[in-house]
Amino acid sequence: MIPHPNSLFYPFKSFIVKQLFKRQLHQQVQLRIPVKVIPHLDCKPSKFHVQRYKIKFLFASSSFDLYSNLYEQCRLQEVTLNGPLFGCLLLAVHHCFPLGDNTRLKPFDIGVTFDMRSRLPQSPLTTSSIGYFVTGSGARLSQSLSIQSTRFWSLAHQCMINTRNQLKLRSISFTMNVLHDIFERESDFDRFTRLFPEGRQAELAFSNIGKYSFPCEYNQGKLRLRGLHVINNASVYRVSTTMFVTCAGDGQLDFSLAHEMGSDEKAKEFLDYYVRLIETCAKKKSCKSETTLGQLLKLVESR
């Protein structure tokens, strides 16, 4: 379903990407988000050479009108919903897991998963195809940003552009073919995955695969779906922290956090702060065009 790049430079580009991926794995020795892995001790033997680990989950839902408010804000600021959702995740990491210099928002690698149903023009998939058709890529800021002078909606716009670049068919095709090259031969896959620290392929991922694409009313309107939480219980070759944002209908946003953090209190603080950030930036009177990152953080702290 995914066309192979017909380019003389593909082998060279593929080699470079694999080396960059390996370097990122080596950098996971010192994690920004502290984890405490809990192994599954009663697992049956498998072909995987890494230990399986337990994943913990937290769930939260927003106010009933958050989606419509945030959508209106995005329309006024000419960004997609992904912009503020991704930008707020960066700010939540900045606040809850600070680095030495807290006056700047530093680049931080975040994996992005997205729905492939509408992104494979040569496939028979449709928006309503049932099954798991999700792939992922990575996104990060190109440079650090000043907390005091950078406008929040400027950050949201950068996040939108970064994600759009990852979603271009050429980028998707290239990334998926590189992964296919890695996974095709079991010996190569085994050698490559031994680089994963404790089976961890990334530190943080963001999953915003879109709204619930099916009708929310059932049994002739007697039953209505109002919320939808998503989880990923992968215990091998996983991301240690994943934030899911979903929406059923046009009302609330539902948040799910899959994590391996050592402190359950810190995980709850992270999720709660992320939700508060989004609810604050969805308010026209609070988060205006000129509102800076620093001002937004102060607004959240005052709530």
C-alpha atoms as a PDB file:
ATOM      1  CA  MET A   1       0.000   0.000   0.000  1.00  0.00           C
ATOM      2  CA  ILE A   2       3.003   2.291   0.431  1.00  0.00           C
ATOM      3  CA  PRO A   3       4.986   3.119  -2.716  1.00  0.00           C
ATOM      4  CA  HIS A   4       8.722   2.556  -2.582  1.00  0.00           C
ATOM      5  CA  PRO A   5      10.867   5.643  -3.280  1.00  0.00           C
ATOM      6  CA  ASN A   6      12.355   5.264  -6.739  1.00  0.00           C
ATOM      7  CA  SER A   7      15.515   7.196  -6.093  1.00  0.00           C
ATOM      8  CA  LEU A   8      19.195   6.448  -6.583  1.00  0.00           C
ATOM      9  CA  PHE A   9      19.835   8.230  -3.284  1.00  0.00           C
ATOM     10  CA  TYR A  10      17.388   6.143  -1.235  1.00  0.00           C
ATOM     11  CA  PRO A  11      20.014   3.664   0.091  1.00  0.00           C
ATOM     12  CA  PHE A  12      22.252   6.533   1.215  1.00  0.00           C
ATOM     13  CA  LYS A  13      19.390   8.493   2.818  1.00  0.00           C
ATOM     14  CA  SER A  14      18.112   5.336   4.483  1.00  0.00           C
ATOM     15  CA  PHE A  15      21.552   4.658   5.967  1.00  0.00           C
ATOM     16  CA  ILE A  16      21.731   8.207   7.385  1.00  0.00           C
ATOM     17  CA  VAL A  17      18.272   7.907   8.976  1.00  0.00           C
ATOM     18  CA  LYS A  18      19.172   4.584  10.593  1.00  0.00           C
ATOM     19  CA  GLN A  19      22.332   6.107  12.076  1.00  0.00           C
ATOM     20  CA  LEU A  20      20.364   9.069  13.434  1.00  0.00           C
ATOM     21  CA  PHE A  21      17.841   6.693  14.958  1.00  0.00           C
ATOM     22  CA  LYS A  22      20.628   4.732  16.647  1.00  0.00           C
ATOM     23  CA  ARG A  23      22.113   7.945  18.030  1.00  0.00           C
ATOM     24  CA  GLN A  24      18.740   8.915  19.508  1.00  0.00           C
ATOM     25  CA  LEU A  25      18.528   5.527  21.199  1.00  0.00           C
ATOM     26  CA  HIS A  26      21.956   6.016  22.781  1.00  0.00           C
ATOM     27  CA  GLN A  27      20.810   9.414  24.100  1.00  0.00           C
ATOM     28  CA  GLN A  28      18.041   7.741  26.108  1.00  0.00           C
ATOM     29  CA  VAL A  29      20.519   6.721  28.790  1.00  0.00           C
ATOM     30  CA  GLN A  30      19.669   9.935  30.669  1.00  0.00           C
ATOM     31  CA  LEU A  31      15.919  10.432  30.467  1.00  0.00           C
ATOM     32  CA  ARG A  32      14.239  13.774  31.029  1.00  0.00           C
ATOM     33  CA  ILE A  33      11.078  12.057  32.257  1.00  0.00           C
ATOM     34  CA  PRO A  34      12.211   9.694  35.059  1.00  0.00           C
ATOM     35  CA  VAL A  35      10.925   6.133  34.784  1.00  0.00           C
ATOM     36  CA  LYS A  36      10.911   3.095  37.031  1.00  0.00           C
ATOM     37  CA  VAL A  37      10.325  -0.028  34.992  1.00  0.00           C
ATOM     38  CA  ILE A  38       8.272  -2.826  36.556  1.00  0.00           C
ATOM     39  CA  PRO A  39       8.935  -6.179  34.845  1.00  0.00           C
ATOM     40  CA  HIS A  40       6.264  -8.769  34.141  1.00  0.00           C
ATOM     41  CA  LEU A  41       7.491 -11.786  36.092  1.00  0.00           C
ATOM     42  CA  ASP A  42       4.857 -14.301  35.009  1.00  0.00           C
ATOM     43  CA  CYS A  43       5.144 -13.966  31.224  1.00  0.00           C
ATOM     44  CA  LYS A  44       5.405 -17.022  29.039  1.00  0.00           C
ATOM     45  CA  PRO A  45       8.634 -17.411  27.036  1.00  0.00           C
ATOM     46  CA  SER A  46       8.646 -15.594  23.709  1.00  0.00           C
ATOM     47  CA  LYS A  47      11.013 -14.815  20.855  1.00  0.00           C
ATOM     48  CA  PHE A  48      11.561 -11.289  22.192  1.00  0.00           C
ATOM     49  CA  HIS A  49      14.989 -10.879  23.749  1.00  0.00           C
ATOM     50  CA  VAL A  50      13.915  -8.034  26.059  1.00  0.00           C
ATOM     51  CA  GLN A  51      12.029  -8.232  29.304  1.00  0.00           C
ATOM     52  CA  ARG A  52       8.366  -7.248  29.208  1.00  0.00           C
ATOM     53  CA  TYR A  53       7.364  -4.353  31.433  1.00  0.00           C
ATOM     54  CA  LYS A  54       4.120  -3.128  32.944  1.00  0.00           C
ATOM     55  CA  ILE A  55       2.454   0.082  31.773  1.00  0.00           C
ATOM     56  CA  LYS A  56       0.333   2.267  34.066  1.00  0.00           C
ATOM     57  CA  PHE A  57      -2.602   4.396  32.924  1.00  0.00           C
ATOM     58  CA  LEU A  58      -4.288   7.629  33.979  1.00  0.00           C
ATOM     59  CA  PHE A  59      -7.441   9.137  32.502  1.00  0.00           C
ATOM     60  CA  ALA A  60      -9.054  12.573  32.497  1.00  0.00           C
ATOM     61  CA  SER A  61     -11.821  14.387  30.638  1.00  0.00           C
ATOM     62  CA  SER A  62     -12.223  18.088  29.986  1.00  0.00           C
ATOM     63  CA  SER A  63     -15.207  20.373  30.356  1.00  0.00           C
ATOM     64  CA  PHE A  64     -18.058  19.516  27.992  1.00  0.00           C
ATOM     65  CA  ASP A  65     -17.460  22.468  25.648  1.00  0.00           C
ATOM     66  CA  LEU A  66     -13.663  22.358  25.340  1.00  0.00           C
ATOM     67  CA  TYR A  67     -13.605  20.971  21.803  1.00  0.00           C
ATOM     68  CA  SER A  68     -15.862  23.686  20.388  1.00  0.00           C
ATOM     69  CA  ASN A  69     -13.998  26.446  22.259  1.00  0.00           C
ATOM     70  CA  LEU A  70     -10.583  25.209  21.150  1.00  0.00           C
ATOM     71  CA  TYR A  71     -11.798  24.725  17.590  1.00  0.00           C
ATOM     72  CA  GLU A  72     -13.001  28.343  17.477  1.00  0.00           C
ATOM     73  CA  GLN A  73      -9.669  29.574  18.849  1.00  0.00           C
ATOM     74  CA  CYS A  74      -7.805  27.592  16.203  1.00  0.00           C
ATOM     75  CA  ARG A  75     -10.035  28.989  13.471  1.00  0.00           C
ATOM     76  CA  LEU A  76      -9.279  32.547  14.603  1.00  0.00           C
ATOM     77  CA  GLN A  77      -5.529  31.850  14.829  1.00  0.00           C
ATOM     78  CA  GLU A  78      -5.468  29.890  11.551  1.00  0.00           C
ATOM     79  CA  VAL A  79      -3.960  26.732  12.999  1.00  0.00           C
ATOM     80  CA  THR A  80      -5.138  23.142  13.231  1.00  0.00           C
ATOM     81  CA  LEU A  81      -6.102  21.553  16.546  1.00  0.00           C
ATOM     82  CA  ASN A  82      -2.800  19.688  16.520  1.00  0.00           C
ATOM     83  CA  GLY A  83      -0.936  22.991  16.981  1.00  0.00           C
ATOM     84  CA  PRO A  84      -2.101  23.901  20.505  1.00  0.00           C
ATOM     85  CA  LEU A  85      -2.397  20.250  21.589  1.00  0.00           C
ATOM     86  CA  PHE A  86       1.231  19.602  20.661  1.00  0.00           C
ATOM     87  CA  GLY A  87       2.449  22.982  21.941  1.00  0.00           C
ATOM     88  CA  CYS A  88       0.774  22.456  25.315  1.00  0.00           C
ATOM     89  CA  LEU A  89       2.461  19.053  25.612  1.00  0.00           C
ATOM     90  CA  LEU A  90       5.870  20.710  25.166  1.00  0.00           C
ATOM     91  CA  LEU A  91       4.962  23.282  27.823  1.00  0.00           C
ATOM     92  CA  ALA A  92       3.769  20.561  30.210  1.00  0.00           C
ATOM     93  CA  VAL A  93       7.138  18.798  29.861  1.00  0.00           C
ATOM     94  CA  HIS A  94       8.912  22.139  30.373  1.00  0.00           C
ATOM     95  CA  HIS A  95       6.971  22.815  33.579  1.00  0.00           C
ATOM     96  CA  CYS A  96       6.862  19.341  35.134  1.00  0.00           C
ATOM     97  CA  PHE A  97      10.359  18.173  34.151  1.00  0.00           C
ATOM     98  CA  PRO A  98      12.466  21.371  34.086  1.00  0.00           C
ATOM     99  CA  LEU A  99      16.038  21.614  32.866  1.00  0.00           C
ATOM    100  CA  GLY A 100      18.733  23.933  34.218  1.00  0.00           C
ATOM    101  CA  ASP A 101      17.725  26.973  32.148  1.00  0.00           C
ATOM    102  CA  ASN A 102      13.989  27.326  32.648  1.00  0.00           C
ATOM    103  CA  THR A 103      13.760  30.604  30.728  1.00  0.00           C
ATOM    104  CA  ARG A 104      13.707  28.833  27.371  1.00  0.00           C
ATOM    105  CA  LEU A 105      11.588  26.095  25.833  1.00  0.00           C
ATOM    106  CA  LYS A 106      14.174  23.572  24.677  1.00  0.00           C
ATOM    107  CA  PRO A 107      13.764  21.224  21.676  1.00  0.00           C
ATOM    108  CA  PHE A 108      12.519  17.819  22.788  1.00  0.00           C
ATOM    109  CA  ASP A 109      11.885  14.765  20.627  1.00  0.00           C
ATOM    110  CA  ILE A 110       8.268  13.622  20.629  1.00  0.00           C
ATOM    111  CA  GLY A 111       6.978  10.727  18.590  1.00  0.00           C
ATOM    112  CA  VAL A 112       3.760  11.434  16.691  1.00  0.00           C
ATOM    113  CA  THR A 113       1.286   8.716  15.717  1.00  0.00           C
ATOM    114  CA  PHE A 114      -1.354   9.380  13.091  1.00  0.00           C
ATOM    115  CA  ASP A 115      -4.154   7.683  11.177  1.00  0.00           C
ATOM    116  CA  MET A 116      -3.129   6.243   7.810  1.00  0.00           C
ATOM    117  CA  ARG A 117      -6.648   5.656   6.439  1.00  0.00           C
ATOM    118  CA  SER A 118      -6.753   8.883   4.431  1.00  0.00           C
ATOM    119  CA  ARG A 119      -3.021   9.105   3.693  1.00  0.00           C
ATOM    120  CA  LEU A 120      -2.527   6.153   1.368  1.00  0.00           C
ATOM    121  CA  PRO A 121      -4.127   7.143  -1.957  1.00  0.00           C
ATOM    122  CA  GLN A 122      -3.137   3.867  -3.619  1.00  0.00           C
ATOM    123  CA  SER A 123      -4.814   1.684  -0.979  1.00  0.00           C
ATOM    124  CA  PRO A 124      -8.435   0.507  -0.574  1.00  0.00           C
ATOM    125  CA  LEU A 125      -8.602   2.029   2.928  1.00  0.00           C
ATOM    126  CA  THR A 126     -11.333   4.545   3.713  1.00  0.00           C
ATOM    127  CA  THR A 127     -11.902   6.807   6.717  1.00  0.00           C
ATOM    128  CA  SER A 128     -14.284   4.191   8.123  1.00  0.00           C
ATOM    129  CA  SER A 129     -12.050   1.131   7.587  1.00  0.00           C
ATOM    130  CA  ILE A 130     -11.966  -0.924  10.772  1.00  0.00           C
ATOM    131  CA  GLY A 131      -8.575  -2.045  12.013  1.00  0.00           C
ATOM    132  CA  TYR A 132      -5.236  -0.715  13.190  1.00  0.00           C
ATOM    133  CA  PHE A 133      -3.821   1.525  10.478  1.00  0.00           C
ATOM    134  CA  VAL A 134      -1.559   3.840  12.447  1.00  0.00           C
ATOM    135  CA  THR A 135       2.039   4.793  11.879  1.00  0.00           C
ATOM    136  CA  GLY A 136       4.384   7.216  13.544  1.00  0.00           C
ATOM    137  CA  SER A 137       7.127   9.717  13.028  1.00  0.00           C
ATOM    138  CA  GLY A 138       9.076  12.195  15.138  1.00  0.00           C
ATOM    139  CA  ALA A 139       8.821  15.942  15.612  1.00  0.00           C
ATOM    140  CA  ARG A 140      10.764  18.558  17.536  1.00  0.00           C
ATOM    141  CA  LEU A 141      11.371  22.295  17.564  1.00  0.00           C
ATOM    142  CA  SER A 142      14.237  23.447  15.367  1.00  0.00           C
ATOM    143  CA  GLN A 143      15.552  25.750  18.116  1.00  0.00           C
ATOM    144  CA  SER A 144      14.885  26.798  21.702  1.00  0.00           C
ATOM    145  CA  LEU A 145      12.295  29.532  22.299  1.00  0.00           C
ATOM    146  CA  SER A 146      12.154  32.294  24.888  1.00  0.00           C
ATOM    147  CA  ILE A 147       9.467  31.673  27.493  1.00  0.00           C
ATOM    148  CA  GLN A 148       9.000  35.397  28.105  1.00  0.00           C
ATOM    149  CA  SER A 149       8.818  36.713  24.535  1.00  0.00           C
ATOM    150  CA  THR A 150       7.516  33.847  22.359  1.00  0.00           C
ATOM    151  CA  ARG A 151       3.799  34.045  21.681  1.00  0.00           C
ATOM    152  CA  PHE A 152       1.859  30.873  22.379  1.00  0.00           C
ATOM    153  CA  TRP A 153       0.058  30.875  19.047  1.00  0.00           C
ATOM    154  CA  SER A 154       3.393  31.239  17.290  1.00  0.00           C
ATOM    155  CA  LEU A 155       4.496  28.034  19.027  1.00  0.00           C
ATOM    156  CA  ALA A 156       1.221  26.361  18.009  1.00  0.00           C
ATOM    157  CA  HIS A 157       1.830  27.393  14.403  1.00  0.00           C
ATOM    158  CA  GLN A 158       5.354  25.930  14.461  1.00  0.00           C
ATOM    159  CA  CYS A 159       4.003  22.669  15.867  1.00  0.00           C
ATOM    160  CA  MET A 160       1.349  22.549  13.145  1.00  0.00           C
ATOM    161  CA  ILE A 161       3.936  23.060  10.389  1.00  0.00           C
ATOM    162  CA  ASN A 162       6.266  20.423  11.887  1.00  0.00           C
ATOM    163  CA  THR A 163       3.447  17.892  11.984  1.00  0.00           C
ATOM    164  CA  ARG A 164       2.282  18.738   8.465  1.00  0.00           C
ATOM    165  CA  ASN A 165       5.787  18.156   7.155  1.00  0.00           C
ATOM    166  CA  GLN A 166       5.792  14.720   8.773  1.00  0.00           C
ATOM    167  CA  LEU A 167       2.410  13.900   7.233  1.00  0.00           C
ATOM    168  CA  LYS A 168       3.431  14.613   3.650  1.00  0.00           C
ATOM    169  CA  LEU A 169       3.100  11.490   1.524  1.00  0.00           C
ATOM    170  CA  ARG A 170       6.770  11.636   0.528  1.00  0.00           C
ATOM    171  CA  SER A 171       7.849  11.718   4.195  1.00  0.00           C
ATOM    172  CA  ILE A 172       5.455   8.931   5.159  1.00  0.00           C
ATOM    173  CA  SER A 173       6.593   6.768   2.254  1.00  0.00           C
ATOM    174  CA  PHE A 174      10.264   7.264   3.071  1.00  0.00           C
ATOM    175  CA  THR A 175       9.872   6.616   6.813  1.00  0.00           C
ATOM    176  CA  MET A 176       7.748   3.499   6.372  1.00  0.00           C
ATOM    177  CA  ASN A 177      10.150   2.035   3.819  1.00  0.00           C
ATOM    178  CA  VAL A 178      13.119   2.599   6.141  1.00  0.00           C
ATOM    179  CA  LEU A 179      11.224   0.812   8.926  1.00  0.00           C
ATOM    180  CA  HIS A 180      10.314  -1.979   6.521  1.00  0.00           C
ATOM    181  CA  ASP A 181      13.995  -2.432   5.692  1.00  0.00           C
ATOM    182  CA  ILE A 182      14.747  -2.778   9.411  1.00  0.00           C
ATOM    183  CA  PHE A 183      11.894  -5.191  10.170  1.00  0.00           C
ATOM    184  CA  GLU A 184      12.089  -7.348   7.035  1.00  0.00           C
ATOM    185  CA  ARG A 185      14.928  -9.600   8.200  1.00  0.00           C
ATOM    186  CA  GLU A 186      14.550 -11.036  11.686  1.00  0.00           C
ATOM    187  CA  SER A 187      18.315 -11.071  12.309  1.00  0.00           C
ATOM    188  CA  ASP A 188      18.637  -7.377  11.396  1.00  0.00           C
ATOM    189  CA  PHE A 189      15.585  -6.523  13.477  1.00  0.00           C
ATOM    190  CA  ASP A 190      16.965  -8.406  16.474  1.00  0.00           C
ATOM    191  CA  ARG A 191      20.339  -6.677  16.178  1.00  0.00           C
ATOM    192  CA  PHE A 192      18.744  -3.248  15.848  1.00  0.00           C
ATOM    193  CA  THR A 193      16.281  -3.635  18.721  1.00  0.00           C
ATOM    194  CA  ARG A 194      19.045  -4.673  21.105  1.00  0.00           C
ATOM    195  CA  LEU A 195      19.902  -0.980  21.100  1.00  0.00           C
ATOM    196  CA  PHE A 196      16.545  -0.156  22.724  1.00  0.00           C
ATOM    197  CA  PRO A 197      17.195   0.703  26.407  1.00  0.00           C
ATOM    198  CA  GLU A 198      15.024  -1.822  28.294  1.00  0.00           C
ATOM    199  CA  GLY A 199      12.984  -2.235  25.112  1.00  0.00           C
ATOM    200  CA  ARG A 200      12.228   1.493  24.998  1.00  0.00           C
ATOM    201  CA  GLN A 201      12.229   2.983  21.493  1.00  0.00           C
ATOM    202  CA  ALA A 202      11.357   6.557  22.544  1.00  0.00           C
ATOM    203  CA  GLU A 203      10.803   8.662  25.656  1.00  0.00           C
ATOM    204  CA  LEU A 204       7.557  10.477  24.844  1.00  0.00           C
ATOM    205  CA  ALA A 205       4.880  10.116  22.179  1.00  0.00           C
ATOM    206  CA  PHE A 206       1.769  12.094  21.334  1.00  0.00           C
ATOM    207  CA  SER A 207      -1.215  10.386  19.743  1.00  0.00           C
ATOM    208  CA  ASN A 208      -3.867  12.589  18.173  1.00  0.00           C
ATOM    209  CA  ILE A 209      -5.316  10.315  15.510  1.00  0.00           C
ATOM    210  CA  GLY A 210      -8.472  12.371  15.108  1.00  0.00           C
ATOM    211  CA  LYS A 211     -12.076  12.363  16.195  1.00  0.00           C
ATOM    212  CA  TYR A 212     -14.166   9.244  16.582  1.00  0.00           C
ATOM    213  CA  SER A 213     -15.143   8.665  12.954  1.00  0.00           C
ATOM    214  CA  PHE A 214     -18.394   6.789  13.528  1.00  0.00           C
ATOM    215  CA  PRO A 215     -21.870   7.972  14.629  1.00  0.00           C
ATOM    216  CA  CYS A 216     -22.092   8.679  18.364  1.00  0.00           C
ATOM    217  CA  GLU A 217     -25.796   7.806  18.699  1.00  0.00           C
ATOM    218  CA  TYR A 218     -27.043   4.230  18.915  1.00  0.00           C
ATOM    219  CA  ASN A 219     -30.360   2.451  19.349  1.00  0.00           C
ATOM    220  CA  GLN A 220     -32.292   5.248  17.637  1.00  0.00           C
ATOM    221  CA  GLY A 221     -30.706   7.955  19.758  1.00  0.00           C
ATOM    222  CA  LYS A 222     -31.404   6.298  23.113  1.00  0.00           C
ATOM    223  CA  LEU A 223     -27.704   5.733  23.696  1.00  0.00           C
ATOM    224  CA  ARG A 224     -25.083   8.407  23.002  1.00  0.00           C
ATOM    225  CA  LEU A 225     -21.318   8.091  23.191  1.00  0.00           C
ATOM    226  CA  ARG A 226     -19.922  11.170  24.956  1.00  0.00           C
ATOM    227  CA  GLY A 227     -16.361  10.148  25.807  1.00  0.00           C
ATOM    228  CA  LEU A 228     -13.688   7.836  24.465  1.00  0.00           C
ATOM    229  CA  HIS A 229     -10.394   6.874  26.111  1.00  0.00           C
ATOM    230  CA  VAL A 230      -7.631   5.124  24.161  1.00  0.00           C
ATOM    231  CA  ILE A 231      -4.796   3.026  25.557  1.00  0.00           C
ATOM    232  CA  ASN A 232      -1.755   1.225  24.222  1.00  0.00           C
ATOM    233  CA  ASN A 233      -0.625  -1.669  26.381  1.00  0.00           C
ATOM    234  CA  ALA A 234       2.454  -2.623  24.357  1.00  0.00           C
ATOM    235  CA  SER A 235       4.979  -4.072  26.794  1.00  0.00           C
ATOM    236  CA  VAL A 236       7.765  -4.724  24.274  1.00  0.00           C
ATOM    237  CA  TYR A 237       9.429  -2.139  22.006  1.00  0.00           C
ATOM    238  CA  ARG A 238       7.379   0.642  23.506  1.00  0.00           C
ATOM    239  CA  VAL A 239       7.418   4.357  24.302  1.00  0.00           C
ATOM    240  CA  SER A 240       7.787   4.945  28.038  1.00  0.00           C
ATOM    241  CA  THR A 241       5.261   7.824  28.126  1.00  0.00           C
ATOM    242  CA  THR A 242       2.397   8.347  25.672  1.00  0.00           C
ATOM    243  CA  MET A 243      -0.316  11.014  25.771  1.00  0.00           C
ATOM    244  CA  PHE A 244      -3.538  10.222  23.918  1.00  0.00           C
ATOM    245  CA  VAL A 245      -6.141  12.885  23.061  1.00  0.00           C
ATOM    246  CA  THR A 246      -9.480  11.747  21.650  1.00  0.00           C
ATOM    247  CA  CYS A 247     -12.914  13.223  21.030  1.00  0.00           C
ATOM    248  CA  ALA A 248     -16.328  11.678  20.408  1.00  0.00           C
ATOM    249  CA  GLY A 249     -18.687  14.231  18.904  1.00  0.00           C
ATOM    250  CA  ASP A 250     -18.142  17.950  19.429  1.00  0.00           C
ATOM    251  CA  GLY A 251     -17.942  18.181  23.207  1.00  0.00           C
ATOM    252  CA  GLN A 252     -15.264  17.139  25.653  1.00  0.00           C
ATOM    253  CA  LEU A 253     -11.716  16.035  24.991  1.00  0.00           C
ATOM    254  CA  ASP A 254     -10.634  12.796  26.636  1.00  0.00           C
ATOM    255  CA  PHE A 255      -7.050  12.304  27.761  1.00  0.00           C
ATOM    256  CA  SER A 256      -5.235   9.046  28.454  1.00  0.00           C
ATOM    257  CA  LEU A 257      -1.683   8.800  29.773  1.00  0.00           C
ATOM    258  CA  ALA A 258       0.249   5.547  29.433  1.00  0.00           C
ATOM    259  CA  HIS A 259       3.440   5.789  31.472  1.00  0.00           C
ATOM    260  CA  GLU A 260       6.254   4.133  33.413  1.00  0.00           C
ATOM    261  CA  MET A 261       7.050   7.079  35.681  1.00  0.00           C
ATOM    262  CA  GLY A 262       8.475   6.190  39.058  1.00  0.00           C
ATOM    263  CA  SER A 263       6.121   8.572  40.854  1.00  0.00           C
ATOM    264  CA  ASP A 264       2.377   8.158  40.386  1.00  0.00           C
ATOM    265  CA  GLU A 265       1.914  11.634  41.874  1.00  0.00           C
ATOM    266  CA  LYS A 266       4.226  13.134  39.242  1.00  0.00           C
ATOM    267  CA  ALA A 267       2.350  11.356  36.474  1.00  0.00           C
ATOM    268  CA  LYS A 268      -0.962  12.756  37.729  1.00  0.00           C
ATOM    269  CA  GLU A 269       0.565  16.233  38.015  1.00  0.00           C
ATOM    270  CA  PHE A 270       1.770  15.973  34.409  1.00  0.00           C
ATOM    271  CA  LEU A 271      -1.630  14.901  33.067  1.00  0.00           C
ATOM    272  CA  ASP A 272      -3.570  17.468  35.113  1.00  0.00           C
ATOM    273  CA  TYR A 273      -1.240  20.289  34.081  1.00  0.00           C
ATOM    274  CA  TYR A 274      -1.565  19.352  30.414  1.00  0.00           C
ATOM    275  CA  VAL A 275      -5.372  19.439  30.619  1.00  0.00           C
ATOM    276  CA  ARG A 276      -5.298  22.803  32.416  1.00  0.00           C
ATOM    277  CA  LEU A 277      -2.992  24.237  29.750  1.00  0.00           C
ATOM    278  CA  ILE A 278      -5.365  23.233  26.964  1.00  0.00           C
ATOM    279  CA  GLU A 279      -8.444  24.517  28.781  1.00  0.00           C
ATOM    280  CA  THR A 280      -6.686  27.843  29.381  1.00  0.00           C
ATOM    281  CA  CYS A 281      -5.545  28.353  25.791  1.00  0.00           C
ATOM    282  CA  ALA A 282      -9.086  27.561  24.590  1.00  0.00           C
ATOM    283  CA  LYS A 283     -10.436  30.692  26.305  1.00  0.00           C
ATOM    284  CA  LYS A 284     -10.508  33.767  24.064  1.00  0.00           C
ATOM    285  CA  LYS A 285     -10.303  36.214  26.956  1.00  0.00           C
ATOM    286  CA  SER A 286      -7.317  34.465  28.533  1.00  0.00           C
ATOM    287  CA  CYS A 287      -5.188  33.324  25.596  1.00  0.00           C
ATOM    288  CA  LYS A 288      -5.091  36.068  22.990  1.00  0.00           C
ATOM    289  CA  SER A 289      -2.915  36.496  19.907  1.00  0.00           C
ATOM    290  CA  GLU A 290      -0.264  38.365  21.903  1.00  0.00           C
ATOM    291  CA  THR A 291      -0.228  36.021  24.933  1.00  0.00           C
ATOM    292  CA  THR A 292       3.306  34.735  25.555  1.00  0.00           C
ATOM    293  CA  LEU A 293       4.356  31.327  26.841  1.00  0.00           C
ATOM    294  CA  GLY A 294       5.285  32.858  30.185  1.00  0.00           C
ATOM    295  CA  GLN A 295       1.918  34.565  30.526  1.00  0.00           C
ATOM    296  CA  LEU A 296       0.081  31.355  29.675  1.00  0.00           C
ATOM    297  CA  LEU A 297       2.043  29.422  32.300  1.00  0.00           C
ATOM    298  CA  LYS A 298       1.169  32.071  34.912  1.00  0.00           C
ATOM    299  CA  LEU A 299      -2.506  31.874  33.962  1.00  0.00           C
ATOM    300  CA  VAL A 300      -2.466  28.120  34.503  1.00  0.00           C
ATOM    301  CA  GLU A 301      -0.731  28.499  37.869  1.00  0.00           C
ATOM    302  CA  SER A 302      -3.374  31.003  39.006  1.00  0.00           C
ATOM    303  CA  ARG A 303      -6.284  28.646  38.278  1.00  0.00           C
END
